[in-house]
Full PDB file with SEQRES, HELIX, SHEET, SSBOND, CRYST1, ORIGX, SCALE, CONECT and MASTER records, all heavy atoms in Angstrom:
SEQRES   1 A   43  ASN GLY SER GLU PRO HIS LYS GLY ASP THR LEU HIS GLN          
SEQRES   2 A   43  GLU THR TYR GLN LEU LEU GLU ASN LEU ASP SER ILE ASN          
SEQRES   3 A   43  PHE ILE GLY ASN ILE GLU ALA ASP GLN LEU LEU LYS GLY          
SEQRES   4 A   43  VAL ALA ASP VAL                                              
HELIX    1 AA1 THR A   10  GLU A   20  1                                  11    
HELIX    2 AA2 ALA A   33  LYS A   38  5                                   6    
CRYST1    1.000    1.000    1.000  90.00  90.00  90.00 P 1           1          
ORIGX1      1.000000  0.000000  0.000000        0.00000                         
ORIGX2      0.000000  1.000000  0.000000        0.00000                         
ORIGX3      0.000000  0.000000  1.000000        0.00000                         
SCALE1      1.000000  0.000000  0.000000        0.00000                         
SCALE2      0.000000  1.000000  0.000000        0.00000                         
SCALE3      0.000000  0.000000  1.000000        0.00000                         
ATOM      1  N   ASN A   1     -73.311 -15.163 107.307  1.00  0.00           N  
ATOM      2  CA  ASN A   1     -73.493 -14.677 108.678  1.00  0.00           C  
ATOM      3  C   ASN A   1     -72.259 -13.962 109.202  1.00  0.00           C  
ATOM      4  O   ASN A   1     -72.058 -13.831 110.405  1.00  0.00           O  
ATOM      5  CB  ASN A   1     -73.856 -15.838 109.609  1.00  0.00           C  
ATOM      6  CG  ASN A   1     -72.741 -16.853 109.740  1.00  0.00           C  
ATOM      7  OD1 ASN A   1     -71.809 -16.862 108.942  1.00  0.00           O  
ATOM      8  ND2 ASN A   1     -72.832 -17.720 110.742  1.00  0.00           N  
ATOM      9  N   GLY A   2     -71.430 -13.477 108.305  1.00  0.00           N  
ATOM     10  CA  GLY A   2     -70.247 -12.713 108.660  1.00  0.00           C  
ATOM     11  C   GLY A   2     -69.534 -12.286 107.396  1.00  0.00           C  
ATOM     12  O   GLY A   2     -69.721 -12.893 106.331  1.00  0.00           O  
ATOM     13  N   SER A   3     -68.733 -11.258 107.475  1.00  0.00           N  
ATOM     14  CA  SER A   3     -68.062 -10.742 106.281  1.00  0.00           C  
ATOM     15  C   SER A   3     -66.737 -11.446 105.982  1.00  0.00           C  
ATOM     16  O   SER A   3     -66.246 -11.398 104.857  1.00  0.00           O  
ATOM     17  CB  SER A   3     -67.817  -9.237 106.430  1.00  0.00           C  
ATOM     18  OG  SER A   3     -67.013  -8.981 107.583  1.00  0.00           O  
ATOM     19  N   GLU A   4     -66.168 -12.124 106.992  1.00  0.00           N  
ATOM     20  CA  GLU A   4     -64.876 -12.776 106.797  1.00  0.00           C  
ATOM     21  C   GLU A   4     -64.997 -14.012 105.893  1.00  0.00           C  
ATOM     22  O   GLU A   4     -66.013 -14.700 105.901  1.00  0.00           O  
ATOM     23  CB  GLU A   4     -64.283 -13.190 108.145  1.00  0.00           C  
ATOM     24  CG  GLU A   4     -64.033 -12.022 109.098  1.00  0.00           C  
ATOM     25  CD  GLU A   4     -65.256 -11.655 109.916  1.00  0.00           C  
ATOM     26  OE1 GLU A   4     -66.331 -12.261 109.685  1.00  0.00           O  
ATOM     27  OE2 GLU A   4     -65.146 -10.757 110.769  1.00  0.00           O  
ATOM     28  N   PRO A   5     -63.964 -14.310 105.113  1.00  0.00           N  
ATOM     29  CA  PRO A   5     -63.996 -15.441 104.176  1.00  0.00           C  
ATOM     30  C   PRO A   5     -64.283 -16.797 104.836  1.00  0.00           C  
ATOM     31  O   PRO A   5     -64.875 -17.675 104.215  1.00  0.00           O  
ATOM     32  CB  PRO A   5     -62.597 -15.427 103.561  1.00  0.00           C  
ATOM     33  CG  PRO A   5     -62.128 -14.019 103.703  1.00  0.00           C  
ATOM     34  CD  PRO A   5     -62.716 -13.530 104.988  1.00  0.00           C  
ATOM     35  N   HIS A   6     -63.858 -16.968 106.095  1.00  0.00           N  
ATOM     36  CA  HIS A   6     -64.011 -18.267 106.752  1.00  0.00           C  
ATOM     37  C   HIS A   6     -65.375 -18.440 107.421  1.00  0.00           C  
ATOM     38  O   HIS A   6     -65.654 -19.478 108.015  1.00  0.00           O  
ATOM     39  CB  HIS A   6     -62.916 -18.448 107.805  1.00  0.00           C  
ATOM     40  CG  HIS A   6     -62.996 -17.455 108.931  1.00  0.00           C  
ATOM     41  ND1 HIS A   6     -62.416 -16.203 108.855  1.00  0.00           N  
ATOM     42  CD2 HIS A   6     -63.610 -17.512 110.149  1.00  0.00           C  
ATOM     43  CE1 HIS A   6     -62.660 -15.545 109.975  1.00  0.00           C  
ATOM     44  NE2 HIS A   6     -63.376 -16.311 110.789  1.00  0.00           N  
ATOM     45  N   LYS A   7     -66.252 -17.427 107.336  1.00  0.00           N  
ATOM     46  CA  LYS A   7     -67.535 -17.491 108.026  1.00  0.00           C  
ATOM     47  C   LYS A   7     -68.497 -18.461 107.337  1.00  0.00           C  
ATOM     48  O   LYS A   7     -68.365 -18.795 106.166  1.00  0.00           O  
ATOM     49  CB  LYS A   7     -68.177 -16.102 108.065  1.00  0.00           C  
ATOM     50  CG  LYS A   7     -67.560 -15.153 109.066  1.00  0.00           C  
ATOM     51  CD  LYS A   7     -67.936 -15.557 110.493  1.00  0.00           C  
ATOM     52  CE  LYS A   7     -67.458 -14.525 111.496  1.00  0.00           C  
ATOM     53  NZ  LYS A   7     -67.912 -14.837 112.854  1.00  0.00           N  
ATOM     54  N   GLY A   8     -69.496 -18.906 108.101  1.00  0.00           N  
ATOM     55  CA  GLY A   8     -70.556 -19.738 107.530  1.00  0.00           C  
ATOM     56  C   GLY A   8     -70.282 -21.220 107.614  1.00  0.00           C  
ATOM     57  O   GLY A   8     -69.229 -21.663 108.068  1.00  0.00           O  
ATOM     58  N   ASP A   9     -71.262 -21.985 107.117  1.00  0.00           N  
ATOM     59  CA  ASP A   9     -71.122 -23.443 107.110  1.00  0.00           C  
ATOM     60  C   ASP A   9     -70.294 -23.886 105.908  1.00  0.00           C  
ATOM     61  O   ASP A   9     -69.759 -23.064 105.155  1.00  0.00           O  
ATOM     62  CB  ASP A   9     -72.505 -24.099 107.105  1.00  0.00           C  
ATOM     63  CG  ASP A   9     -73.368 -23.625 105.941  1.00  0.00           C  
ATOM     64  OD1 ASP A   9     -72.832 -23.008 104.996  1.00  0.00           O  
ATOM     65  OD2 ASP A   9     -74.583 -23.869 105.972  1.00  0.00           O  
ATOM     66  N   THR A  10     -70.217 -25.201 105.723  1.00  0.00           N  
ATOM     67  CA  THR A  10     -69.398 -25.744 104.634  1.00  0.00           C  
ATOM     68  C   THR A  10     -69.854 -25.233 103.277  1.00  0.00           C  
ATOM     69  O   THR A  10     -69.030 -24.892 102.417  1.00  0.00           O  
ATOM     70  CB  THR A  10     -69.466 -27.286 104.658  1.00  0.00           C  
ATOM     71  OG1 THR A  10     -68.997 -27.762 105.913  1.00  0.00           O  
ATOM     72  CG2 THR A  10     -68.605 -27.879 103.539  1.00  0.00           C  
ATOM     73  N   LEU A  11     -71.174 -25.168 103.066  1.00  0.00           N  
ATOM     74  CA  LEU A  11     -71.709 -24.684 101.794  1.00  0.00           C  
ATOM     75  C   LEU A  11     -71.194 -23.281 101.481  1.00  0.00           C  
ATOM     76  O   LEU A  11     -70.722 -23.013 100.369  1.00  0.00           O  
ATOM     77  CB  LEU A  11     -73.239 -24.681 101.833  1.00  0.00           C  
ATOM     78  CG  LEU A  11     -73.937 -23.954 100.677  1.00  0.00           C  
ATOM     79  CD1 LEU A  11     -73.657 -24.659  99.361  1.00  0.00           C  
ATOM     80  CD2 LEU A  11     -75.438 -23.845 100.930  1.00  0.00           C  
ATOM     81  N   HIS A  12     -71.291 -22.391 102.441  1.00  0.00           N  
ATOM     82  CA  HIS A  12     -70.896 -21.007 102.190  1.00  0.00           C  
ATOM     83  C   HIS A  12     -69.377 -20.856 102.056  1.00  0.00           C  
ATOM     84  O   HIS A  12     -68.899 -20.042 101.258  1.00  0.00           O  
ATOM     85  CB  HIS A  12     -71.432 -20.106 103.300  1.00  0.00           C  
ATOM     86  CG  HIS A  12     -72.910 -19.912 103.242  1.00  0.00           C  
ATOM     87  ND1 HIS A  12     -73.799 -20.844 103.725  1.00  0.00           N  
ATOM     88  CD2 HIS A  12     -73.658 -18.913 102.718  1.00  0.00           C  
ATOM     89  CE1 HIS A  12     -75.039 -20.421 103.518  1.00  0.00           C  
ATOM     90  NE2 HIS A  12     -74.979 -19.252 102.914  1.00  0.00           N  
ATOM     91  N   GLN A  13     -68.625 -21.630 102.793  1.00  0.00           N  
ATOM     92  CA  GLN A  13     -67.166 -21.572 102.657  1.00  0.00           C  
ATOM     93  C   GLN A  13     -66.728 -22.086 101.291  1.00  0.00           C  
ATOM     94  O   GLN A  13     -65.846 -21.492 100.645  1.00  0.00           O  
ATOM     95  CB  GLN A  13     -66.509 -22.378 103.781  1.00  0.00           C  
ATOM     96  CG  GLN A  13     -66.684 -21.747 105.159  1.00  0.00           C  
ATOM     97  CD  GLN A  13     -66.094 -22.595 106.273  1.00  0.00           C  
ATOM     98  OE1 GLN A  13     -65.268 -23.468 106.025  1.00  0.00           O  
ATOM     99  NE2 GLN A  13     -66.499 -22.344 107.499  1.00  0.00           N  
ATOM    100  N   GLU A  14     -67.336 -23.176 100.834  1.00  0.00           N  
ATOM    101  CA  GLU A  14     -67.005 -23.720  99.509  1.00  0.00           C  
ATOM    102  C   GLU A  14     -67.422 -22.745  98.410  1.00  0.00           C  
ATOM    103  O   GLU A  14     -66.686 -22.539  97.431  1.00  0.00           O  
ATOM    104  CB  GLU A  14     -67.696 -25.068  99.300  1.00  0.00           C  
ATOM    105  CG  GLU A  14     -67.124 -26.192 100.152  1.00  0.00           C  
ATOM    106  CD  GLU A  14     -67.854 -27.504  99.927  1.00  0.00           C  
ATOM    107  OE1 GLU A  14     -68.839 -27.520  99.131  1.00  0.00           O  
ATOM    108  OE2 GLU A  14     -67.453 -28.510 100.522  1.00  0.00           O  
ATOM    109  N   THR A  15     -68.613 -22.161  98.568  1.00  0.00           N  
ATOM    110  CA  THR A  15     -69.096 -21.207  97.566  1.00  0.00           C  
ATOM    111  C   THR A  15     -68.181 -19.995  97.494  1.00  0.00           C  
ATOM    112  O   THR A  15     -67.876 -19.491  96.408  1.00  0.00           O  
ATOM    113  CB  THR A  15     -70.536 -20.753  97.901  1.00  0.00           C  
ATOM    114  OG1 THR A  15     -71.388 -21.902  97.970  1.00  0.00           O  
ATOM    115  CG2 THR A  15     -71.057 -19.808  96.835  1.00  0.00           C  
ATOM    116  N   TYR A  16     -67.742 -19.519  98.655  1.00  0.00           N  
ATOM    117  CA  TYR A  16     -66.834 -18.367  98.694  1.00  0.00           C  
ATOM    118  C   TYR A  16     -65.581 -18.644  97.864  1.00  0.00           C  
ATOM    119  O   TYR A  16     -65.150 -17.797  97.075  1.00  0.00           O  
ATOM    120  CB  TYR A  16     -66.457 -18.043 100.138  1.00  0.00           C  
ATOM    121  CG  TYR A  16     -65.670 -16.760 100.289  1.00  0.00           C  
ATOM    122  CD1 TYR A  16     -66.294 -15.585 100.711  1.00  0.00           C  
ATOM    123  CD2 TYR A  16     -64.301 -16.705 100.002  1.00  0.00           C  
ATOM    124  CE1 TYR A  16     -65.589 -14.398 100.839  1.00  0.00           C  
ATOM    125  CE2 TYR A  16     -63.584 -15.532 100.120  1.00  0.00           C  
ATOM    126  CZ  TYR A  16     -64.238 -14.384 100.534  1.00  0.00           C  
ATOM    127  OH  TYR A  16     -63.528 -13.211 100.646  1.00  0.00           O  
ATOM    128  N   GLN A  17     -64.999 -19.806  98.054  1.00  0.00           N  
ATOM    129  CA  GLN A  17     -63.777 -20.140  97.318  1.00  0.00           C  
ATOM    130  C   GLN A  17     -64.018 -20.202  95.810  1.00  0.00           C  
ATOM    131  O   GLN A  17     -63.193 -19.719  95.018  1.00  0.00           O  
ATOM    132  CB  GLN A  17     -63.225 -21.492  97.814  1.00  0.00           C  
ATOM    133  CG  GLN A  17     -62.721 -21.474  99.251  1.00  0.00           C  
ATOM    134  CD  GLN A  17     -61.632 -20.439  99.479  1.00  0.00           C  
ATOM    135  OE1 GLN A  17     -60.717 -20.305  98.662  1.00  0.00           O  
ATOM    136  NE2 GLN A  17     -61.717 -19.712 100.584  1.00  0.00           N  
ATOM    137  N   LEU A  18     -65.144 -20.773  95.410  1.00  0.00           N  
ATOM    138  CA  LEU A  18     -65.462 -20.854  93.980  1.00  0.00           C  
ATOM    139  C   LEU A  18     -65.652 -19.461  93.379  1.00  0.00           C  
ATOM    140  O   LEU A  18     -65.156 -19.164  92.290  1.00  0.00           O  
ATOM    141  CB  LEU A  18     -66.731 -21.683  93.758  1.00  0.00           C  
ATOM    142  CG  LEU A  18     -66.635 -23.187  94.009  1.00  0.00           C  
ATOM    143  CD1 LEU A  18     -68.000 -23.844  93.803  1.00  0.00           C  
ATOM    144  CD2 LEU A  18     -65.613 -23.836  93.067  1.00  0.00           C  
ATOM    145  N   LEU A  19     -66.371 -18.614  94.093  1.00  0.00           N  
ATOM    146  CA  LEU A  19     -66.635 -17.271  93.578  1.00  0.00           C  
ATOM    147  C   LEU A  19     -65.360 -16.434  93.535  1.00  0.00           C  
ATOM    148  O   LEU A  19     -65.150 -15.652  92.604  1.00  0.00           O  
ATOM    149  CB  LEU A  19     -67.694 -16.576  94.448  1.00  0.00           C  
ATOM    150  CG  LEU A  19     -69.099 -17.172  94.398  1.00  0.00           C  
ATOM    151  CD1 LEU A  19     -70.010 -16.479  95.413  1.00  0.00           C  
ATOM    152  CD2 LEU A  19     -69.693 -17.054  92.998  1.00  0.00           C  
ATOM    153  N   GLU A  20     -64.525 -16.599  94.525  1.00  0.00           N  
ATOM    154  CA  GLU A  20     -63.274 -15.836  94.577  1.00  0.00           C  
ATOM    155  C   GLU A  20     -62.358 -16.194  93.407  1.00  0.00           C  
ATOM    156  O   GLU A  20     -61.582 -15.350  92.932  1.00  0.00           O  
ATOM    157  CB  GLU A  20     -62.564 -16.098  95.907  1.00  0.00           C  
ATOM    158  CG  GLU A  20     -61.384 -15.163  96.162  1.00  0.00           C  
ATOM    159  CD  GLU A  20     -60.782 -15.369  97.537  1.00  0.00           C  
ATOM    160  OE1 GLU A  20     -60.622 -16.536  97.947  1.00  0.00           O  
ATOM    161  OE2 GLU A  20     -60.486 -14.362  98.198  1.00  0.00           O  
ATOM    162  N   ASN A  21     -62.458 -17.422  92.936  1.00  0.00           N  
ATOM    163  CA  ASN A  21     -61.588 -17.881  91.848  1.00  0.00           C  
ATOM    164  C   ASN A  21     -62.214 -17.718  90.465  1.00  0.00           C  
ATOM    165  O   ASN A  21     -61.618 -18.130  89.467  1.00  0.00           O  
ATOM    166  CB  ASN A  21     -61.216 -19.356  92.064  1.00  0.00           C  
ATOM    167  CG  ASN A  21     -60.332 -19.554  93.281  1.00  0.00           C  
ATOM    168  OD1 ASN A  21     -59.470 -18.719  93.573  1.00  0.00           O  
ATOM    169  ND2 ASN A  21     -60.533 -20.645  94.006  1.00  0.00           N  
ATOM    170  N   LEU A  22     -63.406 -17.128  90.403  1.00  0.00           N  
ATOM    171  CA  LEU A  22     -64.084 -16.943  89.120  1.00  0.00           C  
ATOM    172  C   LEU A  22     -63.752 -15.555  88.570  1.00  0.00           C  
ATOM    173  O   LEU A  22     -64.214 -14.540  89.089  1.00  0.00           O  
ATOM    174  CB  LEU A  22     -65.604 -17.105  89.296  1.00  0.00           C  
ATOM    175  CG  LEU A  22     -66.441 -17.107  88.025  1.00  0.00           C  
ATOM    176  CD1 LEU A  22     -66.078 -18.284  87.131  1.00  0.00           C  
ATOM    177  CD2 LEU A  22     -67.925 -17.151  88.374  1.00  0.00           C  
ATOM    178  N   ASP A  23     -62.965 -15.522  87.515  1.00  0.00           N  
ATOM    179  CA  ASP A  23     -62.472 -14.249  86.991  1.00  0.00           C  
ATOM    180  C   ASP A  23     -63.533 -13.446  86.242  1.00  0.00           C  
ATOM    181  O   ASP A  23     -63.378 -12.232  86.061  1.00  0.00           O  
ATOM    182  CB  ASP A  23     -61.282 -14.491  86.047  1.00  0.00           C  
ATOM    183  CG  ASP A  23     -60.070 -15.066  86.773  1.00  0.00           C  
ATOM    184  OD1 ASP A  23     -59.927 -14.782  87.984  1.00  0.00           O  
ATOM    185  OD2 ASP A  23     -59.283 -15.794  86.139  1.00  0.00           O  
ATOM    186  N   SER A  24     -64.594 -14.108  85.790  1.00  0.00           N  
ATOM    187  CA  SER A  24     -65.562 -13.435  84.926  1.00  0.00           C  
ATOM    188  C   SER A  24     -66.537 -12.539  85.678  1.00  0.00           C  
ATOM    189  O   SER A  24     -67.319 -11.812  85.063  1.00  0.00           O  
ATOM    190  CB  SER A  24     -66.362 -14.473  84.118  1.00  0.00           C  
ATOM    191  OG  SER A  24     -67.095 -15.332  84.978  1.00  0.00           O  
ATOM    192  N   ILE A  25     -66.531 -12.567  87.016  1.00  0.00           N  
ATOM    193  CA  ILE A  25     -67.431 -11.716  87.800  1.00  0.00           C  
ATOM    194  C   ILE A  25     -66.638 -10.867  88.792  1.00  0.00           C  
ATOM    195  O   ILE A  25     -65.488 -11.190  89.124  1.00  0.00           O  
ATOM    196  CB  ILE A  25     -68.495 -12.541  88.563  1.00  0.00           C  
ATOM    197  CG1 ILE A  25     -67.833 -13.416  89.634  1.00  0.00           C  
ATOM    198  CG2 ILE A  25     -69.333 -13.386  87.616  1.00  0.00           C  
ATOM    199  CD1 ILE A  25     -68.819 -14.064  90.591  1.00  0.00           C  
ATOM    200  N   ASN A  26     -67.269  -9.817  89.267  1.00  0.00           N  
ATOM    201  CA  ASN A  26     -66.666  -8.919  90.250  1.00  0.00           C  
ATOM    202  C   ASN A  26     -67.171  -9.313  91.634  1.00  0.00           C  
ATOM    203  O   ASN A  26     -68.101  -8.720  92.173  1.00  0.00           O  
ATOM    204  CB  ASN A  26     -67.040  -7.472  89.916  1.00  0.00           C  
ATOM    205  CG  ASN A  26     -66.559  -6.485  90.965  1.00  0.00           C  
ATOM    206  OD1 ASN A  26     -65.603  -6.745  91.696  1.00  0.00           O  
ATOM    207  ND2 ASN A  26     -67.235  -5.345  91.045  1.00  0.00           N  
ATOM    208  N   PHE A  27     -66.544 -10.339  92.205  1.00  0.00           N  
ATOM    209  CA  PHE A  27     -66.951 -10.842  93.514  1.00  0.00           C  
ATOM    210  C   PHE A  27     -66.355  -9.975  94.610  1.00  0.00           C  
ATOM    211  O   PHE A  27     -65.139  -9.812  94.704  1.00  0.00           O  
ATOM    212  CB  PHE A  27     -66.500 -12.290  93.686  1.00  0.00           C  
ATOM    213  CG  PHE A  27     -66.872 -12.899  95.016  1.00  0.00           C  
ATOM    214  CD1 PHE A  27     -68.183 -12.907  95.453  1.00  0.00           C  
ATOM    215  CD2 PHE A  27     -65.892 -13.468  95.829  1.00  0.00           C  
ATOM    216  CE1 PHE A  27     -68.532 -13.456  96.681  1.00  0.00           C  
ATOM    217  CE2 PHE A  27     -66.227 -14.041  97.048  1.00  0.00           C  
ATOM    218  CZ  PHE A  27     -67.547 -14.029  97.477  1.00  0.00           C  
ATOM    219  N   ILE A  28     -67.233  -9.403  95.467  1.00  0.00           N  
ATOM    220  CA  ILE A  28     -66.765  -8.487  96.516  1.00  0.00           C  
ATOM    221  C   ILE A  28     -66.751  -9.139  97.898  1.00  0.00           C  
ATOM    222  O   ILE A  28     -66.465  -8.479  98.893  1.00  0.00           O  
ATOM    223  CB  ILE A  28     -67.614  -7.204  96.549  1.00  0.00           C  
ATOM    224  CG1 ILE A  28     -69.079  -7.528  96.886  1.00  0.00           C  
ATOM    225  CG2 ILE A  28     -67.515  -6.458  95.215  1.00  0.00           C  
ATOM    226  CD1 ILE A  28     -69.938  -6.297  97.151  1.00  0.00           C  
ATOM    227  N   GLY A  29     -67.078 -10.446  97.964  1.00  0.00           N  
ATOM    228  CA  GLY A  29     -67.012 -11.153  99.236  1.00  0.00           C  
ATOM    229  C   GLY A  29     -68.366 -11.373  99.878  1.00  0.00           C  
ATOM    230  O   GLY A  29     -69.409 -11.282  99.230  1.00  0.00           O  
ATOM    231  N   ASN A  30     -68.341 -11.678 101.171  1.00  0.00           N  
ATOM    232  CA  ASN A  30     -69.577 -11.932 101.922  1.00  0.00           C  
ATOM    233  C   ASN A  30     -70.313 -10.633 102.240  1.00  0.00           C  
ATOM    234  O   ASN A  30     -69.699  -9.567 102.370  1.00  0.00           O  
ATOM    235  CB  ASN A  30     -69.260 -12.644 103.242  1.00  0.00           C  
ATOM    236  CG  ASN A  30     -68.842 -14.086 103.036  1.00  0.00           C  
ATOM    237  OD1 ASN A  30     -69.315 -14.758 102.130  1.00  0.00           O  
ATOM    238  ND2 ASN A  30     -67.937 -14.564 103.889  1.00  0.00           N  
ATOM    239  N   ILE A  31     -71.615 -10.748 102.388  1.00  0.00           N  
ATOM    240  CA  ILE A  31     -72.438  -9.630 102.830  1.00  0.00           C  
ATOM    241  C   ILE A  31     -73.383 -10.150 103.904  1.00  0.00           C  
ATOM    242  O   ILE A  31     -73.914 -11.259 103.787  1.00  0.00           O  
ATOM    243  CB  ILE A  31     -73.225  -9.011 101.650  1.00  0.00           C  
ATOM    244  CG1 ILE A  31     -74.039  -7.796 102.115  1.00  0.00           C  
ATOM    245  CG2 ILE A  31     -74.126 -10.026 100.991  1.00  0.00           C  
ATOM    246  CD1 ILE A  31     -74.743  -7.075 100.978  1.00  0.00           C  
ATOM    247  N   GLU A  32     -73.553  -9.382 104.972  1.00  0.00           N  
ATOM    248  CA  GLU A  32     -74.493  -9.761 106.019  1.00  0.00           C  
ATOM    249  C   GLU A  32     -75.862  -9.162 105.732  1.00  0.00           C  
ATOM    250  O   GLU A  32     -75.994  -8.182 104.989  1.00  0.00           O  
ATOM    251  CB  GLU A  32     -73.972  -9.298 107.369  1.00  0.00           C  
ATOM    252  CG  GLU A  32     -72.691 -10.015 107.794  1.00  0.00           C  
ATOM    253  CD  GLU A  32     -72.270  -9.657 109.207  1.00  0.00           C  
ATOM    254  OE1 GLU A  32     -72.880 -10.204 110.155  1.00  0.00           O  
ATOM    255  OE2 GLU A  32     -71.348  -8.838 109.358  1.00  0.00           O  
ATOM    256  N   ALA A  33     -76.886  -9.741 106.324  1.00  0.00           N  
ATOM    257  CA  ALA A  33     -78.262  -9.353 106.023  1.00  0.00           C  
ATOM    258  C   ALA A  33     -78.546  -7.883 106.307  1.00  0.00           C  
ATOM    259  O   ALA A  33     -79.350  -7.256 105.608  1.00  0.00           O  
ATOM    260  CB  ALA A  33     -79.239 -10.236 106.796  1.00  0.00           C  
ATOM    261  N   ASP A  34     -77.873  -7.323 107.313  1.00  0.00           N  
ATOM    262  CA  ASP A  34     -78.146  -5.924 107.650  1.00  0.00           C  
ATOM    263  C   ASP A  34     -77.568  -4.943 106.630  1.00  0.00           C  
ATOM    264  O   ASP A  34     -77.799  -3.733 106.709  1.00  0.00           O  
ATOM    265  CB  ASP A  34     -77.631  -5.587 109.056  1.00  0.00           C  
ATOM    266  CG  ASP A  34     -76.126  -5.716 109.190  1.00  0.00           C  
ATOM    267  OD1 ASP A  34     -75.492  -6.308 108.293  1.00  0.00           O  
ATOM    268  OD2 ASP A  34     -75.566  -5.230 110.184  1.00  0.00           O  
ATOM    269  N   GLN A  35     -76.821  -5.456 105.665  1.00  0.00           N  
ATOM    270  CA  GLN A  35     -76.237  -4.615 104.616  1.00  0.00           C  
ATOM    271  C   GLN A  35     -77.039  -4.652 103.311  1.00  0.00           C  
ATOM    272  O   GLN A  35     -76.767  -3.864 102.395  1.00  0.00           O  
ATOM    273  CB  GLN A  35     -74.801  -5.066 104.320  1.00  0.00           C  
ATOM    274  CG  GLN A  35     -73.854  -4.972 105.501  1.00  0.00           C  
ATOM    275  CD  GLN A  35     -73.602  -3.547 105.921  1.00  0.00           C  
ATOM    276  OE1 GLN A  35     -73.220  -2.709 105.105  1.00  0.00           O  
ATOM    277  NE2 GLN A  35     -73.807  -3.250 107.196  1.00  0.00           N  
ATOM    278  N   LEU A  36     -78.012  -5.539 103.231  1.00  0.00           N  
ATOM    279  CA  LEU A  36     -78.703  -5.765 101.962  1.00  0.00           C  
ATOM    280  C   LEU A  36     -79.327  -4.502 101.382  1.00  0.00           C  
ATOM    281  O   LEU A  36     -79.210  -4.242 100.175  1.00  0.00           O  
ATOM    282  CB  LEU A  36     -79.785  -6.838 102.152  1.00  0.00           C  
ATOM    283  CG  LEU A  36     -79.305  -8.280 102.321  1.00  0.00           C  
ATOM    284  CD1 LEU A  36     -80.478  -9.201 102.633  1.00  0.00           C  
ATOM    285  CD2 LEU A  36     -78.592  -8.746 101.058  1.00  0.00           C  
ATOM    286  N   LEU A  37     -80.006  -3.718 102.204  1.00  0.00           N  
ATOM    287  CA  LEU A  37     -80.740  -2.559 101.701  1.00  0.00           C  
ATOM    288  C   LEU A  37     -79.871  -1.310 101.562  1.00  0.00           C  
ATOM    289  O   LEU A  37     -80.366  -0.270 101.138  1.00  0.00           O  
ATOM    290  CB  LEU A  37     -81.927  -2.255 102.621  1.00  0.00           C  
ATOM    291  CG  LEU A  37     -82.939  -3.386 102.842  1.00  0.00           C  
ATOM    292  CD1 LEU A  37     -84.136  -2.873 103.632  1.00  0.00           C  
ATOM    293  CD2 LEU A  37     -83.398  -3.977 101.517  1.00  0.00           C  
ATOM    294  N   LYS A  38     -78.593  -1.425 101.883  1.00  0.00           N  
ATOM    295  CA  LYS A  38     -77.707  -0.262 101.843  1.00  0.00           C  
ATOM    296  C   LYS A  38     -77.061  -0.041 100.480  1.00  0.00           C  
ATOM    297  O   LYS A  38     -76.309   0.921 100.287  1.00  0.00           O  
ATOM    298  CB  LYS A  38     -76.628  -0.388 102.921  1.00  0.00           C  
ATOM    299  CG  LYS A  38     -77.190  -0.349 104.343  1.00  0.00           C  
ATOM    300  CD  LYS A  38     -76.099  -0.438 105.389  1.00  0.00           C  
ATOM    301  CE  LYS A  38     -76.689  -0.381 106.795  1.00  0.00           C  
ATOM    302  NZ  LYS A  38     -75.654  -0.478 107.837  1.00  0.00           N  
ATOM    303  N   GLY A  39     -77.317  -0.966  99.542  1.00  0.00           N  
ATOM    304  CA  GLY A  39     -76.810  -0.780  98.189  1.00  0.00           C  
ATOM    305  C   GLY A  39     -75.346  -1.108  98.003  1.00  0.00           C  
ATOM    306  O   GLY A  39     -74.700  -0.589  97.096  1.00  0.00           O  
ATOM    307  N   VAL A  40     -74.803  -1.987  98.848  1.00  0.00           N  
ATOM    308  CA  VAL A  40     -73.374  -2.309  98.748  1.00  0.00           C  
ATOM    309  C   VAL A  40     -73.094  -3.398  97.710  1.00  0.00           C  
ATOM    310  O   VAL A  40     -71.936  -3.624  97.354  1.00  0.00           O  
ATOM    311  CB  VAL A  40     -72.811  -2.747 100.119  1.00  0.00           C  
ATOM    312  CG1 VAL A  40     -72.955  -1.625 101.131  1.00  0.00           C  
ATOM    313  CG2 VAL A  40     -73.499  -4.003 100.621  1.00  0.00           C  
ATOM    314  N   ALA A  41     -74.139  -4.074  97.225  1.00  0.00           N  
ATOM    315  CA  ALA A  41     -73.969  -5.115  96.204  1.00  0.00           C  
ATOM    316  C   ALA A  41     -75.090  -5.012  95.179  1.00  0.00           C  
ATOM    317  O   ALA A  41     -76.186  -4.532  95.477  1.00  0.00           O  
ATOM    318  CB  ALA A  41     -73.965  -6.500  96.850  1.00  0.00           C  
ATOM    319  N   ASP A  42     -74.803  -5.450  93.969  1.00  0.00           N  
ATOM    320  CA  ASP A  42     -75.793  -5.435  92.887  1.00  0.00           C  
ATOM    321  C   ASP A  42     -76.432  -6.801  92.682  1.00  0.00           C  
ATOM    322  O   ASP A  42     -77.587  -6.899  92.258  1.00  0.00           O  
ATOM    323  CB  ASP A  42     -75.133  -5.000  91.574  1.00  0.00           C  
ATOM    324  CG  ASP A  42     -74.442  -3.656  91.702  1.00  0.00           C  
ATOM    325  OD1 ASP A  42     -75.126  -2.692  92.075  1.00  0.00           O  
ATOM    326  OD2 ASP A  42     -73.227  -3.578  91.453  1.00  0.00           O  
ATOM    327  N   VAL A  43     -75.671  -7.852  92.961  1.00  0.00           N  
ATOM    328  CA  VAL A  43     -76.149  -9.234  92.848  1.00  0.00           C  
ATOM    329  C   VAL A  43     -75.814  -9.939  94.152  1.00  0.00           C  
ATOM    330  O   VAL A  43     -74.649  -9.958  94.564  1.00  0.00           O  
ATOM    331  CB  VAL A  43     -75.481  -9.984  91.671  1.00  0.00           C  
ATOM    332  CG1 VAL A  43     -76.002 -11.423  91.587  1.00  0.00           C  
ATOM    333  CG2 VAL A  43     -75.699  -9.244  90.355  1.00  0.00           C  
TER     334      VAL A  43                                                      
MASTER        0    0    0    2    0    0    0    6  333    1    0    4          
END                                                                             
C-alpha cells in the first residue's frame, strides 16, 4: 500500500526485508496497485 520500504503491515515489512536480502533475484521494491498494468514489474 505504498512504495516506501517501511509501508504495510508486519507481513509486508518482513517480506520486504527478505526479498531485499535475496541476491538471486532482481527485487525492485514495493509496487502499488495503480502501477500493476503499467509494466513496471515482471513478477
